């Protein structure tokens, strides 16, 4: 299903490194629900752009899905917040941070 056909992304993984799908969905303006065992949980501001739920907690997962279903205006607001969150993570910022880290390593090596 294309992101534009969805209202929310749910990633209830038991274990996940950093699911790029979460950042992609957020970039498309979708709030997300992820389990606490996903690396992408670092992008989620609980209640602002999505929710983090415990693994294997079907009750909490259902609760969050129903919350989005019952609150379309909040879902849209959280989707806009999700988009703003991932806009901070550009390739330019990544490149600049990489260069800074590399320069720091070189400086220490030359000391």
C-alpha atoms as a PDB file:
ATOM      1  CA  UNK A   1       0.000   0.000   0.000  1.00  0.00           C
ATOM      2  CA  UNK A   2       1.417   3.426  -0.890  1.00  0.00           C
ATOM      3  CA  UNK A   3       1.931   5.823   2.007  1.00  0.00           C
ATOM      4  CA  UNK A   4      -0.534   8.319   0.530  1.00  0.00           C
ATOM      5  CA  UNK A   5      -3.299   5.716   0.922  1.00  0.00           C
ATOM      6  CA  UNK A   6      -2.584   5.247   4.645  1.00  0.00           C
ATOM      7  CA  UNK A   7      -3.429   7.267   7.737  1.00  0.00           C
ATOM      8  CA  UNK A   8      -0.827   5.792  10.084  1.00  0.00           C
ATOM      9  CA  UNK A   9       2.107   3.361  10.011  1.00  0.00           C
ATOM     10  CA  UNK A  10       2.245   0.509  12.508  1.00  0.00           C
ATOM     11  CA  UNK A  11       5.571  -1.289  13.094  1.00  0.00           C
ATOM     12  CA  UNK A  12       5.095  -3.652  16.056  1.00  0.00           C
ATOM     13  CA  UNK A  13       8.397  -5.479  15.610  1.00  0.00           C
ATOM     14  CA  UNK A  14       9.763  -7.718  18.317  1.00  0.00           C
ATOM     15  CA  UNK A  15      13.254  -6.620  17.230  1.00  0.00           C
ATOM     16  CA  UNK A  16      14.237  -4.163  14.502  1.00  0.00           C
ATOM     17  CA  UNK A  17      17.480  -2.267  13.958  1.00  0.00           C
ATOM     18  CA  UNK A  18      16.341   0.949  12.334  1.00  0.00           C
ATOM     19  CA  UNK A  19      13.342   0.406  10.131  1.00  0.00           C
ATOM     20  CA  UNK A  20      13.759   2.956   7.349  1.00  0.00           C
ATOM     21  CA  UNK A  21      10.063   2.502   6.697  1.00  0.00           C
ATOM     22  CA  UNK A  22       9.304   4.571   9.827  1.00  0.00           C
ATOM     23  CA  UNK A  23      11.264   7.595   8.584  1.00  0.00           C
ATOM     24  CA  UNK A  24       9.744   7.212   5.116  1.00  0.00           C
ATOM     25  CA  UNK A  25       6.212   7.143   6.515  1.00  0.00           C
ATOM     26  CA  UNK A  26       6.905  10.156   8.720  1.00  0.00           C
ATOM     27  CA  UNK A  27       8.325  12.024   5.721  1.00  0.00           C
ATOM     28  CA  UNK A  28       4.990  11.361   4.005  1.00  0.00           C
ATOM     29  CA  UNK A  29       3.127  12.909   6.940  1.00  0.00           C
ATOM     30  CA  UNK A  30       2.033   9.767   8.735  1.00  0.00           C
ATOM     31  CA  UNK A  31       2.110   9.370  12.492  1.00  0.00           C
ATOM     32  CA  UNK A  32       3.585   6.048  13.569  1.00  0.00           C
ATOM     33  CA  UNK A  33       3.162   3.373  16.192  1.00  0.00           C
ATOM     34  CA  UNK A  34       6.333   1.418  16.864  1.00  0.00           C
ATOM     35  CA  UNK A  35       7.377  -1.087  19.486  1.00  0.00           C
ATOM     36  CA  UNK A  36       9.991  -0.162  22.040  1.00  0.00           C
ATOM     37  CA  UNK A  37      12.392  -2.647  20.421  1.00  0.00           C
ATOM     38  CA  UNK A  38      12.787  -0.711  17.169  1.00  0.00           C
ATOM     39  CA  UNK A  39      15.724   1.582  16.521  1.00  0.00           C
ATOM     40  CA  UNK A  40      13.378   4.035  14.836  1.00  0.00           C
ATOM     41  CA  UNK A  41      11.707   4.700  18.193  1.00  0.00           C
ATOM     42  CA  UNK A  42      14.335   7.433  18.560  1.00  0.00           C
ATOM     43  CA  UNK A  43      12.353   9.426  15.987  1.00  0.00           C
ATOM     44  CA  UNK A  44       9.092   9.093  17.893  1.00  0.00           C
ATOM     45  CA  UNK A  45       8.002  11.715  20.383  1.00  0.00           C
ATOM     46  CA  UNK A  46       5.308   9.796  22.237  1.00  0.00           C
ATOM     47  CA  UNK A  47       1.954  11.511  21.750  1.00  0.00           C
ATOM     48  CA  UNK A  48       3.377  14.173  19.429  1.00  0.00           C
ATOM     49  CA  UNK A  49       4.180  12.349  16.179  1.00  0.00           C
ATOM     50  CA  UNK A  50       3.281   8.803  17.109  1.00  0.00           C
ATOM     51  CA  UNK A  51       3.376   6.286  19.900  1.00  0.00           C
ATOM     52  CA  UNK A  52       5.814   3.752  21.309  1.00  0.00           C
ATOM     53  CA  UNK A  53       4.251   0.579  22.682  1.00  0.00           C
ATOM     54  CA  UNK A  54       5.733  -2.381  24.547  1.00  0.00           C
ATOM     55  CA  UNK A  55       6.506  -5.457  22.467  1.00  0.00           C
ATOM     56  CA  UNK A  56       3.814  -8.129  22.290  1.00  0.00           C
ATOM     57  CA  UNK A  57       1.288  -5.823  23.977  1.00  0.00           C
ATOM     58  CA  UNK A  58      -1.698  -6.386  21.703  1.00  0.00           C
ATOM     59  CA  UNK A  59      -4.009  -4.433  24.017  1.00  0.00           C
ATOM     60  CA  UNK A  60      -1.878  -1.255  23.841  1.00  0.00           C
ATOM     61  CA  UNK A  61      -1.398  -1.653  20.090  1.00  0.00           C
ATOM     62  CA  UNK A  62      -5.157  -1.962  19.580  1.00  0.00           C
ATOM     63  CA  UNK A  63      -5.695   1.057  21.846  1.00  0.00           C
ATOM     64  CA  UNK A  64      -3.404   3.236  19.709  1.00  0.00           C
ATOM     65  CA  UNK A  65      -4.921   2.079  16.418  1.00  0.00           C
ATOM     66  CA  UNK A  66      -8.415   2.838  17.708  1.00  0.00           C
ATOM     67  CA  UNK A  67      -7.205   6.205  19.020  1.00  0.00           C
ATOM     68  CA  UNK A  68      -6.092   7.203  15.525  1.00  0.00           C
ATOM     69  CA  UNK A  69      -9.315   5.856  14.025  1.00  0.00           C
ATOM     70  CA  UNK A  70     -11.459   7.805  16.497  1.00  0.00           C
ATOM     71  CA  UNK A  71      -9.446  11.057  16.280  1.00  0.00           C
ATOM     72  CA  UNK A  72      -8.833  11.985  12.622  1.00  0.00           C
ATOM     73  CA  UNK A  73      -7.942  15.612  13.411  1.00  0.00           C
ATOM     74  CA  UNK A  74      -5.333  14.573  15.967  1.00  0.00           C
ATOM     75  CA  UNK A  75      -4.043  11.974  13.505  1.00  0.00           C
ATOM     76  CA  UNK A  76      -3.514  14.698  10.887  1.00  0.00           C
ATOM     77  CA  UNK A  77      -1.808  16.991  13.436  1.00  0.00           C
ATOM     78  CA  UNK A  78       0.492  14.201  14.571  1.00  0.00           C
ATOM     79  CA  UNK A  79       1.241  13.416  10.916  1.00  0.00           C
ATOM     80  CA  UNK A  80       2.311  17.021  10.365  1.00  0.00           C
ATOM     81  CA  UNK A  81       4.500  16.781  13.464  1.00  0.00           C
ATOM     82  CA  UNK A  82       5.996  13.557  12.109  1.00  0.00           C
ATOM     83  CA  UNK A  83       6.911  15.321   8.873  1.00  0.00           C
ATOM     84  CA  UNK A  84       8.562  18.174  10.804  1.00  0.00           C
ATOM     85  CA  UNK A  85      10.536  15.678  12.872  1.00  0.00           C
ATOM     86  CA  UNK A  86      12.145  13.928   9.926  1.00  0.00           C
ATOM     87  CA  UNK A  87      12.816  17.176   8.070  1.00  0.00           C
ATOM     88  CA  UNK A  88      15.626  17.653  10.606  1.00  0.00           C
ATOM     89  CA  UNK A  89      17.388  14.564   9.221  1.00  0.00           C
ATOM     90  CA  UNK A  90      18.666  15.638   5.824  1.00  0.00           C
ATOM     91  CA  UNK A  91      21.551  14.190   3.827  1.00  0.00           C
ATOM     92  CA  UNK A  92      23.290  17.563   4.233  1.00  0.00           C
ATOM     93  CA  UNK A  93      23.063  17.369   8.027  1.00  0.00           C
ATOM     94  CA  UNK A  94      24.238  13.745   7.957  1.00  0.00           C
ATOM     95  CA  UNK A  95      27.208  14.726   5.772  1.00  0.00           C
ATOM     96  CA  UNK A  96      28.129  17.663   7.998  1.00  0.00           C
ATOM     97  CA  UNK A  97      27.974  15.505  11.137  1.00  0.00           C
ATOM     98  CA  UNK A  98      30.109  12.841   9.447  1.00  0.00           C
ATOM     99  CA  UNK A  99      32.737  15.428   8.459  1.00  0.00           C
ATOM    100  CA  UNK A 100      32.806  16.838  12.025  1.00  0.00           C
ATOM    101  CA  UNK A 101      33.304  13.361  13.482  1.00  0.00           C
ATOM    102  CA  UNK A 102      36.036  12.587  10.946  1.00  0.00           C
ATOM    103  CA  UNK A 103      37.838  15.875  11.667  1.00  0.00           C
ATOM    104  CA  UNK A 104      37.659  15.148  15.407  1.00  0.00           C
ATOM    105  CA  UNK A 105      39.262  11.736  14.847  1.00  0.00           C
ATOM    106  CA  UNK A 106      41.987  13.244  12.676  1.00  0.00           C
ATOM    107  CA  UNK A 107      42.710  15.960  15.213  1.00  0.00           C
ATOM    108  CA  UNK A 108      43.108  13.394  18.007  1.00  0.00           C
ATOM    109  CA  UNK A 109      45.290  11.197  15.802  1.00  0.00           C
ATOM    110  CA  UNK A 110      47.623  14.135  15.043  1.00  0.00           C
ATOM    111  CA  UNK A 111      48.017  15.067  18.731  1.00  0.00           C
END
